[in-house]
Amino acid sequence: MKSTKIIFNHLLFLIILGSSLPLQAAQGDWLVRIRGIVIYPDDSSGLVSAGGVPLAGTGVDVDTQAVPEIDVTYMIHNHWGIEVIAGIAKHNVSFETAAPVAGLTDGLDLFDTWVLPPTVTLQYHFLPDQKIRPYVGLGVNYTAFLGDNATSELEALVGSVDVNTENSWGWAGQAGVDIDFKDNWFINMDVKYIDIDTRATLTTTPLGKLRVNVDVDPFVFGAGIGYRF
């Protein structure tokens, strides 16, 4: 009877121990994450040109946005995964100038555009069999600018405006961590840097073509939850 009790206690201990072991991110796993992200452009621009003539002391600024994002990682090895990131955000671009130019003042909203930056990264997971699993990634980004629209403020000054922004290719880097908390669920925190460049052209009647080259180059800070399949 005593030996049976000892065996039962050992089995109970092993069951409890097994249930408390961290879940492993292993080869063949799918990791799906839903995050809230803040897109903070580390932007810079060249001079705005009008009719091919650069306007001294001018530039543009891209605003910060917060949006949802979803990504999927497929583990091709215990340590290696391929992540595909999908999200879209609407950004506003405003005019910067040391002095008013043809009625255009500092801070004037020029146009808004939807930015769709699908990104693929190859990730390295340092501790795939632990409860806390940091990772880094490096990959490629393609950014499409959709639905460019001049603001009513700009069109009130210069009339009808046609806006065109060029799509771009660039690189992307990331660092993050997954933290198990229940069954296959985990918490995720992630930061990315995405290389995004574009050339915007605004066609107006009184000013001709306004052109500017912009390095958007956002940092993307994210936090959310994930599920391992």
Protein backbone atom coordinates (compact mmCIF):
# COMPACT_ATOMS: atom_id res chain seq x y z
CA MET A 1 0.00 0.00 0.00
CA LYS A 2 2.84 2.35 0.91
CA SER A 3 4.71 1.58 -2.32
CA THR A 4 1.52 2.23 -4.33
CA LYS A 5 1.16 5.61 -2.64
CA ILE A 6 4.79 6.47 -3.43
CA ILE A 7 4.31 5.52 -7.10
CA PHE A 8 1.08 7.57 -7.24
CA ASN A 9 2.84 10.59 -5.73
CA HIS A 10 5.66 10.29 -8.26
CA LEU A 11 3.21 10.08 -11.14
CA LEU A 12 1.31 13.09 -9.81
CA PHE A 13 4.57 15.05 -9.54
CA LEU A 14 5.50 14.17 -13.14
CA ILE A 15 2.05 15.21 -14.40
CA ILE A 16 2.28 18.55 -12.57
CA LEU A 17 5.84 19.06 -13.79
CA GLY A 18 4.90 18.22 -17.36
CA SER A 19 1.95 20.61 -17.32
CA SER A 20 4.20 23.44 -16.12
CA LEU A 21 6.90 22.97 -18.76
CA PRO A 22 7.06 25.72 -21.38
CA LEU A 23 5.55 25.00 -24.76
CA GLN A 24 8.16 24.68 -27.48
CA ALA A 25 8.14 26.63 -30.72
CA ALA A 26 9.18 23.74 -32.95
CA GLN A 27 9.74 23.04 -36.61
CA GLY A 28 6.41 22.93 -38.44
CA ASP A 29 4.60 25.25 -36.00
CA TRP A 30 2.52 28.21 -37.18
CA LEU A 31 2.62 31.30 -34.95
CA VAL A 32 -0.19 33.78 -35.56
CA ARG A 33 0.00 37.17 -33.83
CA ILE A 34 -2.42 40.07 -33.62
CA ARG A 35 -0.83 43.32 -32.48
CA GLY A 36 -1.63 46.93 -31.93
CA ILE A 37 1.17 48.93 -33.52
CA VAL A 38 2.41 52.51 -33.48
CA ILE A 39 4.06 53.61 -36.73
CA TYR A 40 6.57 56.35 -35.98
CA PRO A 41 8.20 57.70 -39.17
CA ASP A 42 11.86 58.65 -38.79
CA ASP A 43 11.23 60.77 -41.84
CA SER A 44 13.33 63.21 -43.77
CA SER A 45 12.75 64.84 -47.14
CA GLY A 46 14.46 66.75 -49.86
CA LEU A 47 13.40 70.23 -50.89
CA VAL A 48 9.99 70.62 -52.46
CA SER A 49 10.38 71.73 -56.06
CA ALA A 50 7.84 73.73 -58.07
CA GLY A 51 8.13 73.45 -61.85
CA GLY A 52 11.54 71.84 -61.38
CA VAL A 53 12.86 74.69 -59.18
CA PRO A 54 13.78 73.71 -55.58
CA LEU A 55 12.12 75.89 -52.94
CA ALA A 56 14.69 76.81 -50.29
CA GLY A 57 13.78 75.99 -46.68
CA THR A 58 10.97 73.58 -47.58
CA GLY A 59 10.21 69.92 -46.95
CA VAL A 60 7.42 67.62 -45.81
CA ASP A 61 6.52 65.72 -42.65
CA VAL A 62 4.74 62.34 -42.29
CA ASP A 63 2.55 61.86 -39.23
CA THR A 64 2.51 59.02 -36.65
CA GLN A 65 -0.32 56.48 -36.69
CA ALA A 66 -1.64 53.64 -34.49
CA VAL A 67 -3.36 50.69 -36.22
CA PRO A 68 -3.94 46.92 -35.83
CA GLU A 69 -1.63 44.42 -37.54
CA ILE A 70 -1.59 40.68 -38.13
CA ASP A 71 1.40 38.47 -38.91
CA VAL A 72 2.08 34.78 -39.42
CA THR A 73 5.34 32.94 -38.75
CA TYR A 74 6.09 29.45 -40.05
CA MET A 75 8.87 27.64 -38.18
CA ILE A 76 11.10 25.98 -40.77
CA HIS A 77 13.40 24.83 -37.95
CA ASN A 78 13.29 25.03 -34.15
CA HIS A 79 15.41 28.19 -34.32
CA TRP A 80 14.39 29.60 -37.71
CA GLY A 81 11.09 31.01 -38.87
CA ILE A 82 9.70 32.99 -41.81
CA GLU A 83 7.31 35.79 -40.89
CA VAL A 84 4.85 37.56 -43.20
CA ILE A 85 3.50 40.87 -41.90
CA ALA A 86 0.29 42.49 -43.14
CA GLY A 87 -1.20 45.82 -42.16
CA ILE A 88 -2.34 49.11 -43.63
CA ALA A 89 -2.29 52.67 -42.29
CA LYS A 90 -3.45 56.06 -43.49
CA HIS A 91 -0.78 58.74 -43.17
CA ASN A 92 -1.02 62.49 -43.55
CA VAL A 93 1.76 64.49 -45.22
CA SER A 94 2.18 68.16 -44.29
CA PHE A 95 4.26 71.03 -45.66
CA GLU A 96 7.32 72.35 -43.83
CA THR A 97 8.72 75.78 -44.63
CA ALA A 98 10.73 78.50 -42.97
CA ALA A 99 8.53 81.13 -44.66
CA PRO A 100 5.24 80.96 -46.62
CA VAL A 101 5.66 79.99 -50.28
CA ALA A 102 2.91 80.95 -52.77
CA GLY A 103 0.38 80.86 -49.95
CA LEU A 104 1.61 77.51 -48.62
CA THR A 105 2.32 77.85 -44.90
CA ASP A 106 4.26 75.71 -42.42
CA GLY A 107 2.18 72.78 -41.17
CA LEU A 108 -0.32 72.92 -44.05
CA ASP A 109 -1.78 69.45 -44.71
CA LEU A 110 -0.94 68.56 -48.32
CA PHE A 111 -2.35 65.08 -48.87
CA ASP A 112 -3.08 61.76 -47.24
CA THR A 113 -2.30 58.27 -48.51
CA TRP A 114 -2.95 54.67 -47.50
CA VAL A 115 0.35 52.84 -46.95
CA LEU A 116 0.37 49.06 -47.48
CA PRO A 117 3.81 47.66 -46.56
CA PRO A 118 3.78 43.82 -46.82
CA THR A 119 7.04 42.59 -45.30
CA VAL A 120 8.75 39.19 -45.13
CA THR A 121 11.51 38.49 -42.58
CA LEU A 122 13.70 35.52 -41.78
CA GLN A 123 13.72 35.19 -37.98
CA TYR A 124 16.17 33.56 -35.58
CA HIS A 125 14.59 32.37 -32.31
CA PHE A 126 17.22 32.15 -29.58
CA LEU A 127 15.39 29.97 -27.01
CA PRO A 128 12.65 28.05 -28.82
CA ASP A 129 12.03 25.61 -25.93
CA GLN A 130 11.70 28.26 -23.22
CA LYS A 131 8.75 30.19 -21.82
CA ILE A 132 10.36 33.50 -22.86
CA ARG A 133 11.57 33.36 -26.47
CA PRO A 134 13.42 36.37 -27.94
CA TYR A 135 14.01 36.61 -31.66
CA VAL A 136 15.52 38.87 -34.33
CA GLY A 137 14.67 39.10 -38.00
CA LEU A 138 15.87 40.58 -41.26
CA GLY A 139 13.98 40.77 -44.53
CA VAL A 140 12.51 42.70 -47.42
CA ASN A 141 9.62 45.14 -47.73
CA TYR A 142 7.47 46.30 -50.62
CA THR A 143 5.41 49.42 -49.94
CA ALA A 144 2.40 50.38 -52.02
CA PHE A 145 0.87 53.84 -51.67
CA LEU A 146 -2.86 53.69 -52.31
CA GLY A 147 -5.65 56.24 -52.60
CA ASP A 148 -3.56 59.44 -52.62
CA ASN A 149 -5.84 62.43 -51.97
CA ALA A 150 -5.09 66.13 -51.73
CA THR A 151 -6.57 67.81 -48.66
CA SER A 152 -9.40 70.30 -48.86
CA GLU A 153 -7.06 72.88 -47.26
CA LEU A 154 -4.60 72.60 -50.16
CA GLU A 155 -7.29 72.62 -52.83
CA ALA A 156 -8.86 75.72 -51.27
CA LEU A 157 -5.56 77.49 -52.01
CA VAL A 158 -4.58 76.15 -55.43
CA GLY A 159 -7.66 74.45 -56.87
CA SER A 160 -7.85 70.84 -58.00
CA VAL A 161 -4.73 68.76 -57.24
CA ASP A 162 -3.70 65.35 -58.60
CA VAL A 163 -1.42 63.40 -56.24
CA ASN A 164 0.85 60.50 -57.12
CA THR A 165 3.30 58.69 -54.81
CA GLU A 166 5.73 56.06 -56.09
CA ASN A 167 5.87 52.55 -54.59
CA SER A 168 9.15 51.33 -53.16
CA TRP A 169 11.28 48.33 -52.20
CA GLY A 170 13.45 48.31 -49.07
CA TRP A 171 14.85 46.22 -46.25
CA ALA A 172 13.36 45.56 -42.83
CA GLY A 173 14.78 44.55 -39.46
CA GLN A 174 13.04 43.47 -36.27
CA ALA A 175 13.55 42.31 -32.70
CA GLY A 176 10.90 40.88 -30.42
CA VAL A 177 9.90 38.36 -27.79
CA ASP A 178 7.13 35.79 -27.30
CA ILE A 179 6.08 34.96 -23.72
CA ASP A 180 3.88 31.91 -23.01
CA PHE A 181 1.01 32.46 -20.59
CA LYS A 182 -1.67 29.77 -21.17
CA ASP A 183 -1.82 26.62 -23.30
CA ASN A 184 -0.84 27.68 -26.85
CA TRP A 185 -1.40 31.38 -26.19
CA PHE A 186 1.46 33.82 -25.80
CA ILE A 187 2.11 37.54 -25.43
CA ASN A 188 4.21 39.28 -28.06
CA MET A 189 6.23 42.50 -28.11
CA ASP A 190 8.04 43.59 -31.26
CA VAL A 191 9.87 46.52 -32.81
CA LYS A 192 10.69 46.91 -36.50
CA TYR A 193 12.57 49.34 -38.69
CA ILE A 194 11.37 49.50 -42.31
CA ASP A 195 13.21 51.23 -45.15
CA ILE A 196 10.53 53.12 -47.11
CA ASP A 197 11.30 55.81 -49.71
CA THR A 198 8.96 57.54 -52.12
CA ARG A 199 8.67 60.43 -54.55
CA ALA A 200 5.46 62.43 -54.34
CA THR A 201 4.19 64.53 -57.23
CA LEU A 202 1.34 67.02 -56.81
CA THR A 203 0.06 68.45 -60.08
CA THR A 204 -1.57 71.87 -59.71
CA THR A 205 -2.64 74.58 -62.14
CA PRO A 206 -1.04 77.70 -60.57
CA LEU A 207 2.18 76.06 -59.29
CA GLY A 208 2.71 73.37 -61.90
CA LYS A 209 4.15 70.12 -60.53
CA LEU A 210 5.25 70.06 -56.88
CA ARG A 211 7.71 67.24 -56.29
CA VAL A 212 9.51 65.96 -53.21
CA ASN A 213 11.57 62.89 -52.31
CA VAL A 214 10.71 61.46 -48.90
CA ASP A 215 12.51 58.89 -46.72
CA VAL A 216 9.69 57.65 -44.48
CA ASP A 217 11.76 54.95 -42.69
CA PRO A 218 9.36 54.19 -39.81
CA PHE A 219 9.99 52.49 -36.50
CA VAL A 220 7.03 50.19 -35.78
CA PHE A 221 6.37 49.42 -32.11
CA GLY A 222 3.91 46.59 -31.46
CA ALA A 223 2.36 44.55 -28.65
CA GLY A 224 -0.36 41.90 -28.74
CA ILE A 225 -1.24 38.24 -28.40
CA GLY A 226 -0.44 35.15 -30.42
CA TYR A 227 -1.50 31.55 -30.84
CA ARG A 228 0.67 28.57 -31.77
CA PHE A 229 -0.84 25.92 -34.07
